[in-house]
Amino acid sequence: MARPALALLFNAAVWGLSWIAFKALHRHGLHPLWSTAIVYAGGLAALLLWRPGSVRVLWAHPYLLGLMAAAGLTNVGFNWAVTVGDVVRVTLLFYLMPVWSIGLAWWLLGERPTRAALLRLLLALAGLVLVLHRPGAAWPLPSGAADFLALLGGFCFALTNALLRRWRDTPRDARVLAMFAGGLLMSSALALGGLAGDAPPALSTDWLPWALALTLAFLAGNLALQYGAARLPAHVTALIMLAEVVIAAVSAVLLGAAQPTPATWAGGALIVLVALLSLRPAPRQPPSP
């Protein structure tokens, strides 16, 4: 049990510390959309070298284009938000994922929300109000691009998870390829559509080491996730992955990338509590007589 848990913790650390590389790339002139495209281009190339037949498998399941779009927008939202925003605030808004999951599971999977789910929804919304509160502001509303991007990324993350559950019987290679391709295609399309402002960046030794390190880290993190998630129960996997929130928050505060208020910490505690409550395995149904 120790090795799978450590593998999942490594993956959580990769995501929890990825903001450092994205902010460094931004300082060197790369818009977050181009950073995401470059990193996922490298990851996709490595995946295709390792599993060249996965393209044929994906082609046989065209409905996975929905998963591709959802996963791609998840990465666009989170990576862009964590680059330009307060890291703690962005991470907490992103991890409102259990809120969106309730409605998406009802819509896509036919799972009606229980009383416990509705209670979690109320707790999460209370946490959202606290996180969004700005001193001197009349209403706790999203303010600035980072807030909206983090909320978009979290919604798309919940949608990605719902689609993975809905299409869990499709080959794993096709699902993994769809998610990596989505990261590249969605970020590239938005960048080329003008949201990144400038033309594609010229190759530079200033940002290339950061991009290479981030690509390798994401690849290693994905392999660690595949290893750990295959050997541990799903609720244990999700619980360990919550370490990303702690790692991102602590590192951001220590390195001066966040200035959380007491209200932010209180709201974050509620959001993390909701995430923890949502991980409880469903009670076993008594056997029928």
Protein backbone atom coordinates (compact mmCIF):
# COMPACT_ATOMS: atom_id res chain seq x y z
CA MET A 1 0.00 0.00 0.00
CA ALA A 2 2.89 2.37 0.68
CA ARG A 3 4.24 2.53 -2.87
CA PRO A 4 0.90 3.27 -4.58
CA ALA A 5 0.13 5.93 -1.96
CA LEU A 6 3.54 7.55 -2.45
CA ALA A 7 3.00 7.47 -6.23
CA LEU A 8 -0.29 9.33 -5.84
CA LEU A 9 1.29 11.79 -3.44
CA PHE A 10 4.00 12.46 -6.03
CA ASN A 11 1.34 13.20 -8.66
CA ALA A 12 -0.40 15.56 -6.24
CA ALA A 13 2.92 17.31 -5.60
CA VAL A 14 3.50 17.75 -9.33
CA TRP A 15 0.16 19.51 -9.75
CA GLY A 16 0.45 21.39 -6.47
CA LEU A 17 3.82 22.84 -7.48
CA SER A 18 3.15 23.28 -11.20
CA TRP A 19 2.24 26.93 -10.60
CA ILE A 20 5.94 27.68 -10.02
CA ALA A 21 6.86 26.60 -13.55
CA PHE A 22 3.85 28.28 -15.16
CA LYS A 23 4.63 31.59 -13.46
CA ALA A 24 8.29 31.25 -14.49
CA LEU A 25 7.27 30.64 -18.10
CA HIS A 26 5.01 33.69 -17.92
CA ARG A 27 7.89 35.84 -16.65
CA HIS A 28 9.89 34.69 -19.69
CA GLY A 29 7.18 35.91 -22.03
CA LEU A 30 5.02 32.83 -22.58
CA HIS A 31 1.28 33.25 -22.28
CA PRO A 32 -0.29 30.39 -20.23
CA LEU A 33 -2.09 29.14 -23.35
CA TRP A 34 1.21 28.70 -25.19
CA SER A 35 2.80 27.15 -22.10
CA THR A 36 -0.02 24.63 -21.89
CA ALA A 37 0.18 23.86 -25.60
CA ILE A 38 3.95 23.33 -25.50
CA VAL A 39 3.83 21.10 -22.41
CA TYR A 40 1.01 18.95 -23.77
CA ALA A 41 2.61 18.72 -27.19
CA GLY A 42 5.63 17.13 -25.55
CA GLY A 43 3.46 14.83 -23.44
CA LEU A 44 1.36 13.81 -26.44
CA ALA A 45 4.47 13.05 -28.51
CA ALA A 46 5.82 10.81 -25.75
CA LEU A 47 2.46 9.05 -25.39
CA LEU A 48 2.25 8.37 -29.13
CA LEU A 49 5.76 6.95 -29.15
CA TRP A 50 4.84 4.67 -26.25
CA ARG A 51 1.35 3.70 -27.49
CA PRO A 52 1.20 4.40 -31.26
CA GLY A 53 -1.88 2.20 -31.62
CA SER A 54 -3.90 4.43 -29.32
CA VAL A 55 -4.74 6.74 -32.25
CA ARG A 56 -6.58 3.92 -33.98
CA VAL A 57 -8.40 3.09 -30.76
CA LEU A 58 -9.44 6.71 -30.24
CA TRP A 59 -10.62 6.95 -33.84
CA ALA A 60 -12.96 4.03 -33.17
CA HIS A 61 -14.60 5.95 -30.30
CA PRO A 62 -15.39 9.42 -31.74
CA TYR A 63 -17.68 10.32 -28.81
CA LEU A 64 -14.50 10.75 -26.76
CA LEU A 65 -14.19 14.15 -28.43
CA GLY A 66 -16.37 15.36 -25.57
CA LEU A 67 -13.82 14.08 -23.08
CA MET A 68 -11.08 15.72 -25.13
CA ALA A 69 -12.77 19.12 -24.94
CA ALA A 70 -13.58 18.85 -21.23
CA ALA A 71 -10.07 17.75 -20.26
CA GLY A 72 -8.51 20.40 -22.47
CA LEU A 73 -10.58 23.20 -20.93
CA THR A 74 -9.76 21.88 -17.46
CA ASN A 75 -6.08 22.42 -18.14
CA VAL A 76 -6.60 25.75 -19.86
CA GLY A 77 -8.66 27.07 -16.96
CA PHE A 78 -6.40 25.88 -14.16
CA ASN A 79 -3.05 26.65 -15.80
CA TRP A 80 -4.09 30.12 -16.92
CA ALA A 81 -5.68 30.97 -13.58
CA VAL A 82 -2.77 29.75 -11.46
CA THR A 83 -0.37 31.73 -13.65
CA VAL A 84 -2.08 35.11 -13.33
CA GLY A 85 -3.91 34.79 -10.02
CA ASP A 86 -3.47 34.22 -6.31
CA VAL A 87 -2.48 30.55 -6.11
CA VAL A 88 -4.40 29.70 -2.92
CA ARG A 89 -7.59 31.42 -4.09
CA VAL A 90 -7.38 29.79 -7.53
CA THR A 91 -6.75 26.31 -6.12
CA LEU A 92 -9.70 26.55 -3.72
CA LEU A 93 -12.07 27.79 -6.41
CA PHE A 94 -10.89 25.02 -8.72
CA TYR A 95 -11.56 22.40 -6.03
CA LEU A 96 -15.24 23.31 -5.89
CA MET A 97 -15.43 20.35 -8.26
CA PRO A 98 -17.76 18.36 -5.90
CA VAL A 99 -20.38 21.11 -6.28
CA TRP A 100 -20.50 20.76 -10.05
CA SER A 101 -20.33 16.96 -9.78
CA ILE A 102 -23.74 16.80 -8.10
CA GLY A 103 -25.57 18.36 -11.04
CA LEU A 104 -23.45 16.67 -13.68
CA ALA A 105 -23.93 13.22 -12.14
CA TRP A 106 -27.71 13.82 -12.15
CA TRP A 107 -27.67 14.99 -15.77
CA LEU A 108 -25.18 12.58 -17.34
CA LEU A 109 -25.40 9.52 -15.08
CA GLY A 110 -28.95 9.68 -13.77
CA GLU A 111 -27.74 9.85 -10.14
CA ARG A 112 -30.30 11.91 -8.20
CA PRO A 113 -28.69 13.96 -5.40
CA THR A 114 -29.23 12.66 -1.88
CA ARG A 115 -29.85 14.78 1.20
CA ALA A 116 -26.20 14.37 2.12
CA ALA A 117 -25.18 15.63 -1.33
CA LEU A 118 -27.42 18.69 -0.98
CA LEU A 119 -25.94 19.39 2.46
CA ARG A 120 -22.45 19.22 0.95
CA LEU A 121 -23.63 21.62 -1.75
CA LEU A 122 -24.73 24.15 0.87
CA LEU A 123 -21.43 23.83 2.76
CA ALA A 124 -19.45 24.28 -0.46
CA LEU A 125 -21.45 27.36 -1.43
CA ALA A 126 -20.79 28.84 2.02
CA GLY A 127 -17.08 28.18 1.44
CA LEU A 128 -17.34 29.81 -1.98
CA VAL A 129 -18.86 32.96 -0.47
CA LEU A 130 -16.00 33.19 2.05
CA VAL A 131 -13.28 32.64 -0.57
CA LEU A 132 -14.79 35.19 -2.95
CA HIS A 133 -15.23 37.81 -0.24
CA ARG A 134 -13.05 40.87 -0.81
CA PRO A 135 -12.60 43.45 1.97
CA GLY A 136 -14.69 46.48 1.09
CA ALA A 137 -16.69 44.72 -1.63
CA ALA A 138 -20.46 44.69 -1.34
CA TRP A 139 -20.99 41.19 -2.77
CA PRO A 140 -18.76 38.07 -2.77
CA LEU A 141 -18.61 37.71 -6.54
CA PRO A 142 -15.82 36.50 -8.84
CA SER A 143 -13.48 39.37 -9.63
CA GLY A 144 -10.90 39.20 -12.34
CA ALA A 145 -9.99 36.66 -14.98
CA ALA A 146 -8.29 34.27 -12.54
CA ASP A 147 -11.51 33.70 -10.55
CA PHE A 148 -13.59 32.94 -13.64
CA LEU A 149 -10.88 30.72 -15.12
CA ALA A 150 -10.53 28.75 -11.89
CA LEU A 151 -14.31 28.20 -11.70
CA LEU A 152 -14.37 27.18 -15.38
CA GLY A 153 -11.48 24.77 -14.83
CA GLY A 154 -13.17 23.22 -11.81
CA PHE A 155 -16.45 22.76 -13.68
CA CYS A 156 -14.65 21.14 -16.61
CA PHE A 157 -12.72 18.94 -14.17
CA ALA A 158 -16.03 17.69 -12.75
CA LEU A 159 -17.33 17.18 -16.30
CA THR A 160 -14.17 15.25 -17.19
CA ASN A 161 -14.65 12.93 -14.22
CA ALA A 162 -18.33 12.39 -15.06
CA LEU A 163 -17.47 11.53 -18.67
CA LEU A 164 -14.73 9.16 -17.53
CA ARG A 165 -17.30 7.35 -15.40
CA ARG A 166 -19.87 7.31 -18.20
CA TRP A 167 -17.37 5.93 -20.70
CA ARG A 168 -15.35 3.80 -18.29
CA ASP A 169 -15.79 0.74 -20.51
CA THR A 170 -13.86 2.31 -23.40
CA PRO A 171 -10.17 1.36 -23.75
CA ARG A 172 -7.93 3.23 -21.33
CA ASP A 173 -5.43 4.15 -24.07
CA ALA A 174 -8.16 5.98 -25.96
CA ARG A 175 -9.22 7.93 -22.86
CA VAL A 176 -5.65 8.90 -21.93
CA LEU A 177 -4.89 10.00 -25.50
CA ALA A 178 -8.09 12.05 -25.64
CA MET A 179 -7.13 13.89 -22.45
CA PHE A 180 -3.58 14.66 -23.59
CA ALA A 181 -4.75 15.70 -27.06
CA GLY A 182 -7.40 17.91 -25.48
CA GLY A 183 -4.76 19.79 -23.49
CA LEU A 184 -2.86 20.53 -26.70
CA LEU A 185 -5.77 21.22 -29.04
CA MET A 186 -7.88 23.43 -26.78
CA SER A 187 -4.97 25.60 -25.66
CA SER A 188 -3.62 25.89 -29.23
CA ALA A 189 -7.02 26.75 -30.67
CA LEU A 190 -7.64 29.48 -28.10
CA ALA A 191 -4.11 30.85 -28.51
CA LEU A 192 -4.34 30.92 -32.30
CA GLY A 193 -7.78 32.50 -31.93
CA GLY A 194 -6.13 35.55 -30.41
CA LEU A 195 -6.62 35.02 -26.68
CA ALA A 196 -2.86 34.73 -26.17
CA GLY A 197 -2.33 38.08 -27.82
CA ASP A 198 0.99 37.45 -29.52
CA ALA A 199 2.24 35.07 -32.16
CA PRO A 200 3.65 31.68 -31.10
CA PRO A 201 6.80 32.22 -29.03
CA ALA A 202 10.23 31.90 -30.58
CA LEU A 203 12.36 29.09 -29.20
CA SER A 204 14.47 30.40 -26.35
CA THR A 205 16.86 28.92 -23.81
CA ASP A 206 15.22 31.22 -21.25
CA TRP A 207 11.96 29.26 -21.12
CA LEU A 208 12.84 25.93 -22.72
CA PRO A 209 14.28 24.31 -19.53
CA TRP A 210 11.13 25.22 -17.61
CA ALA A 211 8.89 23.79 -20.33
CA LEU A 212 10.96 20.61 -20.55
CA ALA A 213 10.95 20.15 -16.78
CA LEU A 214 7.18 20.67 -16.62
CA THR A 215 6.58 18.22 -19.46
CA LEU A 216 8.69 15.53 -17.78
CA ALA A 217 7.02 16.21 -14.43
CA PHE A 218 3.53 15.85 -15.92
CA LEU A 219 4.52 12.62 -17.68
CA ALA A 220 6.01 11.18 -14.50
CA GLY A 221 2.99 12.33 -12.52
CA ASN A 222 0.60 10.68 -14.97
CA LEU A 223 2.52 7.40 -14.78
CA ALA A 224 2.47 7.62 -10.99
CA LEU A 225 -1.28 8.25 -11.07
CA GLN A 226 -1.88 5.24 -13.31
CA TYR A 227 0.24 3.06 -11.00
CA GLY A 228 -1.33 4.24 -7.76
CA ALA A 229 -4.95 4.51 -8.88
CA ALA A 230 -4.88 0.95 -10.24
CA ARG A 231 -3.85 -0.42 -6.82
CA LEU A 232 -5.91 1.60 -4.35
CA PRO A 233 -9.66 2.10 -3.87
CA ALA A 234 -11.09 5.10 -5.70
CA HIS A 235 -11.99 6.99 -2.51
CA VAL A 236 -8.45 6.51 -1.15
CA THR A 237 -7.00 7.79 -4.43
CA ALA A 238 -9.18 10.91 -4.32
CA LEU A 239 -8.32 11.50 -0.66
CA ILE A 240 -4.57 11.41 -1.31
CA MET A 241 -4.97 13.67 -4.33
CA LEU A 242 -6.44 16.35 -2.05
CA ALA A 243 -2.87 16.83 -0.86
CA GLU A 244 -2.52 19.00 -3.97
CA VAL A 245 -4.54 21.72 -2.24
CA VAL A 246 -2.28 21.68 0.82
CA ILE A 247 0.93 21.57 -1.24
CA ALA A 248 -0.19 24.44 -3.47
CA ALA A 249 -1.37 26.57 -0.54
CA VAL A 250 1.71 26.07 1.65
CA SER A 251 4.18 26.55 -1.21
CA ALA A 252 2.38 29.66 -2.46
CA VAL A 253 2.34 31.30 0.96
CA LEU A 254 6.00 30.46 1.62
CA LEU A 255 7.08 31.79 -1.78
CA GLY A 256 4.89 34.90 -1.67
CA ALA A 257 2.52 33.91 -4.48
CA ALA A 258 -0.59 34.27 -2.31
CA GLN A 259 -1.94 36.55 0.39
CA PRO A 260 -4.89 34.61 1.83
CA THR A 261 -7.17 36.37 4.28
CA PRO A 262 -8.76 34.67 7.32
CA ALA A 263 -11.99 34.44 5.31
CA THR A 264 -10.11 32.62 2.54
CA TRP A 265 -8.74 30.09 5.01
CA ALA A 266 -12.21 29.58 6.52
CA GLY A 267 -13.81 29.15 3.11
CA GLY A 268 -11.02 26.82 2.07
CA ALA A 269 -11.59 24.68 5.15
CA LEU A 270 -15.26 24.31 4.19
CA ILE A 271 -14.41 23.43 0.58
CA VAL A 272 -11.87 20.82 1.67
CA LEU A 273 -14.39 19.44 4.18
CA VAL A 274 -16.94 19.04 1.39
CA ALA A 275 -14.35 17.25 -0.73
CA LEU A 276 -13.56 14.92 2.16
CA LEU A 277 -17.25 14.20 2.82
CA SER A 278 -17.79 13.43 -0.87
CA LEU A 279 -15.09 10.73 -0.70
CA ARG A 280 -16.97 8.52 1.74
CA PRO A 281 -17.74 5.22 0.05
CA ALA A 282 -21.41 4.53 -0.46
CA PRO A 283 -22.93 2.28 2.20
CA ARG A 284 -23.37 -1.33 1.26
CA GLN A 285 -26.89 -2.35 0.41
CA PRO A 286 -28.22 -5.23 2.50
CA PRO A 287 -28.51 -8.45 0.53
CA SER A 288 -31.99 -9.18 -0.73
CA PRO A 289 -33.72 -12.10 0.95
